[in-house]
Amino acid sequence: MGRSWWPQPVTTQASLMASNWLLFLCAGAVVALIIWGLVAFALLRWRRKRGAATTLPAQLRTNIALEITWTLVPLVLVCILFIYTYRAEAGVEALVPYPDVTVAVNAYRWGWSFGYRGGPTVQGSFSDVPQLVLPRNETTRIILTSSDVNHAFWVPAFLFKRDAIPGRITVFDLRPEKDGTYVGHCAEFCGYAHALMGFSVKVVPPADYARWLKSGPS
């Protein structure tokens, strides 16, 4: 994530989410500036002047044009945000027909196992943190399960979290775009060692990944 004030997307899916967040931030900032501006204008324009008689300004019972405006503008804004969010989430949830890599991720108290289709199974615990290795610019299909209680697969740099629920198989795709090692956590309280139930994700070039898959974890 670096030290930037704004999340730096690491996956294709994270880029969609970051763009959606930016849209909401900009929309909220524009609305806030308009409201603060109108409040400031009213305070300055119609402030009570020293020595002036205390009289009420002209009172209006209705203003049809103004009422229509402050009803339609928020409605249009909400519709735009809804449509953009729907499209972003559809992209995050989309599954490709033929993923490049498939990994079975199983959560248990208090550790993780990563089983690669056609490759090794990496298993760890809170005292032996496992590492999930993924190829850059290739789509990885994650098949997420839990052996005991509710857990959650969370990689902050991926802007992504998904619950691991006993008896339920959860499937999603990730397409990392930047090499590096990223911290992962269980984000669902699952017992006394929950805080120590971590893992890491290492994104490497496809050639390095192929060599690692062939030789297995060190």
Protein backbone atom coordinates (compact mmCIF):
# COMPACT_ATOMS: atom_id res chain seq x y z
CA MET A 1 0.00 0.00 0.00
CA GLY A 2 2.95 2.32 0.54
CA ARG A 3 2.56 5.56 2.45
CA SER A 4 0.18 7.20 0.02
CA TRP A 5 -2.96 8.78 1.49
CA TRP A 6 -4.96 6.86 -1.12
CA PRO A 7 -4.98 3.04 -1.61
CA GLN A 8 -2.67 1.89 -4.39
CA PRO A 9 -4.53 -0.86 -6.33
CA VAL A 10 -2.60 -4.11 -6.62
CA THR A 11 -5.16 -6.20 -8.52
CA THR A 12 -7.52 -5.58 -11.41
CA GLN A 13 -10.43 -5.92 -9.00
CA ALA A 14 -8.84 -3.44 -6.57
CA SER A 15 -8.56 -0.86 -9.35
CA LEU A 16 -12.33 -1.06 -9.86
CA MET A 17 -12.98 -0.57 -6.16
CA ALA A 18 -10.51 2.31 -5.84
CA SER A 19 -12.15 4.09 -8.78
CA ASN A 20 -15.54 3.66 -7.14
CA TRP A 21 -14.25 5.05 -3.86
CA LEU A 22 -12.74 8.02 -5.66
CA LEU A 23 -16.06 8.78 -7.36
CA PHE A 24 -17.84 8.77 -3.98
CA LEU A 25 -15.12 10.95 -2.45
CA CYS A 26 -15.41 13.53 -5.25
CA ALA A 27 -19.22 13.49 -5.17
CA GLY A 28 -19.22 13.95 -1.40
CA ALA A 29 -16.69 16.78 -1.61
CA VAL A 30 -18.74 18.63 -4.25
CA VAL A 31 -21.94 18.28 -2.21
CA ALA A 32 -20.14 19.44 0.95
CA LEU A 33 -18.67 22.50 -0.80
CA ILE A 34 -22.08 23.48 -2.18
CA ILE A 35 -23.75 23.18 1.23
CA TRP A 36 -20.96 25.00 3.08
CA GLY A 37 -21.01 27.70 0.40
CA LEU A 38 -24.76 28.23 0.70
CA VAL A 39 -24.57 28.33 4.50
CA ALA A 40 -21.72 30.84 4.39
CA PHE A 41 -23.59 32.97 1.84
CA ALA A 42 -26.72 33.02 4.00
CA LEU A 43 -24.74 33.90 7.13
CA LEU A 44 -22.99 36.80 5.43
CA ARG A 45 -25.82 38.06 3.21
CA TRP A 46 -28.57 38.11 5.80
CA ARG A 47 -26.65 38.58 9.04
CA ARG A 48 -28.14 40.97 11.51
CA LYS A 49 -26.50 44.38 11.29
CA ARG A 50 -25.63 46.32 14.42
CA GLY A 51 -28.34 48.81 15.29
CA ALA A 52 -30.81 47.45 12.75
CA ALA A 53 -34.40 46.85 13.81
CA THR A 54 -35.35 43.26 14.51
CA THR A 55 -37.61 42.41 11.60
CA LEU A 56 -38.20 39.22 9.75
CA PRO A 57 -37.32 39.11 6.06
CA ALA A 58 -39.99 38.37 3.51
CA GLN A 59 -41.45 34.89 4.09
CA LEU A 60 -42.29 32.52 1.22
CA ARG A 61 -44.70 29.64 1.72
CA THR A 62 -43.48 27.71 -1.31
CA ASN A 63 -41.01 27.74 -4.18
CA ILE A 64 -41.92 25.04 -6.68
CA ALA A 65 -38.79 25.40 -8.82
CA LEU A 66 -36.47 25.19 -5.80
CA GLU A 67 -38.31 22.19 -4.34
CA ILE A 68 -38.15 20.32 -7.65
CA THR A 69 -34.42 21.11 -7.94
CA TRP A 70 -33.45 19.88 -4.47
CA THR A 71 -35.49 16.72 -5.07
CA LEU A 72 -34.25 15.85 -8.55
CA VAL A 73 -30.55 16.69 -8.12
CA PRO A 74 -29.96 14.25 -5.20
CA LEU A 75 -32.07 11.61 -6.96
CA VAL A 76 -29.98 11.86 -10.13
CA LEU A 77 -26.76 11.80 -8.09
CA VAL A 78 -27.84 8.67 -6.19
CA CYS A 79 -28.81 6.94 -9.45
CA ILE A 80 -25.39 7.72 -11.00
CA LEU A 81 -23.56 6.41 -7.93
CA PHE A 82 -25.75 3.30 -7.84
CA ILE A 83 -25.11 2.47 -11.51
CA TYR A 84 -21.36 3.05 -11.21
CA THR A 85 -21.16 0.95 -8.04
CA TYR A 86 -23.18 -1.85 -9.62
CA ARG A 87 -20.80 -1.98 -12.58
CA ALA A 88 -17.71 -1.91 -10.32
CA GLU A 89 -19.01 -4.69 -8.09
CA ALA A 90 -20.03 -6.75 -11.12
CA GLY A 91 -16.42 -6.52 -12.31
CA VAL A 92 -15.10 -7.56 -8.91
CA GLU A 93 -17.49 -10.51 -8.70
CA ALA A 94 -16.97 -11.67 -12.30
CA LEU A 95 -15.44 -15.10 -12.89
CA VAL A 96 -13.43 -15.83 -16.02
CA PRO A 97 -14.28 -19.06 -17.91
CA TYR A 98 -10.75 -20.46 -17.73
CA PRO A 99 -8.55 -19.18 -14.87
CA ASP A 100 -4.79 -19.51 -15.20
CA VAL A 101 -4.34 -20.77 -11.63
CA THR A 102 -6.69 -22.46 -9.16
CA VAL A 103 -5.98 -22.51 -5.43
CA ALA A 104 -8.10 -24.14 -2.74
CA VAL A 105 -7.84 -21.92 0.36
CA ASN A 106 -8.99 -23.45 3.62
CA ALA A 107 -9.20 -21.55 6.90
CA TYR A 108 -9.10 -23.25 10.28
CA ARG A 109 -8.29 -22.39 13.88
CA TRP A 110 -5.72 -20.93 13.66
CA GLY A 111 -4.10 -21.10 10.28
CA TRP A 112 -4.46 -21.43 6.52
CA SER A 113 -3.78 -24.01 3.85
CA PHE A 114 -3.25 -23.24 0.16
CA GLY A 115 -3.72 -26.18 -2.19
CA TYR A 116 -2.57 -25.53 -5.76
CA ARG A 117 -4.25 -27.49 -8.52
CA GLY A 118 -1.48 -29.56 -10.08
CA GLY A 119 0.98 -28.42 -7.44
CA PRO A 120 1.82 -28.46 -3.74
CA THR A 121 -0.27 -27.70 -0.66
CA VAL A 122 1.13 -25.05 1.66
CA GLN A 123 -0.07 -25.31 5.25
CA GLY A 124 0.68 -23.08 8.19
CA SER A 125 -0.36 -21.93 11.63
CA PHE A 126 -0.09 -18.79 13.74
CA SER A 127 3.46 -19.84 14.63
CA ASP A 128 4.33 -20.71 11.01
CA VAL A 129 2.68 -18.11 8.77
CA PRO A 130 2.01 -19.57 5.29
CA GLN A 131 2.54 -17.73 2.02
CA LEU A 132 0.23 -17.72 -0.99
CA VAL A 133 2.26 -17.35 -4.20
CA LEU A 134 0.48 -15.91 -7.25
CA PRO A 135 1.64 -15.08 -10.79
CA ARG A 136 1.49 -11.47 -11.94
CA ASN A 137 -1.03 -10.52 -14.66
CA GLU A 138 -2.70 -13.92 -14.54
CA THR A 139 -6.11 -14.75 -13.12
CA THR A 140 -6.18 -16.93 -10.01
CA ARG A 141 -9.37 -18.72 -9.02
CA ILE A 142 -9.69 -18.94 -5.23
CA ILE A 143 -11.94 -21.67 -3.80
CA LEU A 144 -12.47 -20.64 -0.18
CA THR A 145 -13.69 -22.92 2.62
CA SER A 146 -13.55 -23.20 6.42
CA SER A 147 -13.04 -26.31 8.52
CA ASP A 148 -14.58 -25.13 11.78
CA VAL A 149 -15.93 -21.62 12.44
CA ASN A 150 -16.38 -18.41 10.46
CA HIS A 151 -13.14 -16.86 9.24
CA ALA A 152 -12.41 -14.18 6.64
CA PHE A 153 -9.81 -13.99 3.87
CA TRP A 154 -8.60 -10.38 3.88
CA VAL A 155 -5.71 -8.83 1.94
CA PRO A 156 -5.78 -5.05 2.59
CA ALA A 157 -3.57 -4.28 -0.43
CA PHE A 158 -6.10 -6.07 -2.64
CA LEU A 159 -8.99 -4.00 -1.21
CA PHE A 160 -10.73 -7.34 -0.82
CA LYS A 161 -12.27 -9.40 1.98
CA ARG A 162 -14.40 -12.52 1.75
CA ASP A 163 -15.86 -14.64 4.55
CA ALA A 164 -14.93 -18.31 4.90
CA ILE A 165 -18.03 -20.08 6.23
CA PRO A 166 -18.21 -23.74 7.32
CA GLY A 167 -20.19 -25.86 4.90
CA ARG A 168 -20.11 -23.23 2.16
CA ILE A 169 -17.76 -22.96 -0.83
CA THR A 170 -16.99 -19.41 -1.90
CA VAL A 171 -15.38 -18.79 -5.29
CA PHE A 172 -13.76 -15.60 -6.56
CA ASP A 173 -11.03 -14.47 -8.96
CA LEU A 174 -7.99 -12.30 -8.31
CA ARG A 175 -5.69 -10.83 -10.93
CA PRO A 176 -2.62 -9.26 -9.28
CA GLU A 177 -0.83 -6.63 -11.35
CA LYS A 178 2.17 -5.67 -9.18
CA ASP A 179 5.00 -7.81 -7.85
CA GLY A 180 5.53 -7.76 -4.12
CA THR A 181 4.66 -9.38 -0.82
CA TYR A 182 1.39 -8.37 0.81
CA VAL A 183 0.06 -9.05 4.29
CA GLY A 184 -3.14 -11.04 4.77
CA HIS A 185 -5.33 -11.49 7.84
CA CYS A 186 -8.33 -13.33 9.15
CA ALA A 187 -10.85 -10.51 9.60
CA GLU A 188 -13.53 -12.47 11.47
CA PHE A 189 -13.08 -13.06 15.20
CA CYS A 190 -12.64 -16.81 15.51
CA GLY A 191 -11.13 -17.47 18.93
CA TYR A 192 -8.26 -16.65 21.27
CA ALA A 193 -5.53 -16.85 18.57
CA HIS A 194 -7.50 -14.87 15.98
CA ALA A 195 -5.06 -11.94 16.04
CA LEU A 196 -2.19 -14.27 15.12
CA MET A 197 -3.99 -15.97 12.22
CA GLY A 198 -2.16 -14.30 9.38
CA PHE A 199 -0.68 -15.14 6.01
CA SER A 200 1.13 -13.37 3.20
CA VAL A 201 0.62 -13.16 -0.55
CA LYS A 202 3.66 -13.02 -2.81
CA VAL A 203 3.11 -11.89 -6.40
CA VAL A 204 5.88 -12.90 -8.79
CA PRO A 205 6.46 -12.94 -12.58
CA PRO A 206 4.82 -15.91 -14.35
CA ALA A 207 8.20 -17.56 -15.08
CA ASP A 208 9.18 -17.40 -11.39
CA TYR A 209 5.80 -18.80 -10.43
CA ALA A 210 6.19 -21.73 -12.85
CA ARG A 211 9.58 -22.54 -11.32
CA TRP A 212 8.20 -22.28 -7.80
CA LEU A 213 5.23 -24.51 -8.66
CA LYS A 214 7.55 -27.13 -10.08
CA SER A 215 10.02 -27.10 -7.19
CA GLY A 216 7.46 -26.60 -4.43
CA PRO A 217 7.72 -24.38 -1.35
CA SER A 218 11.11 -24.16 0.31
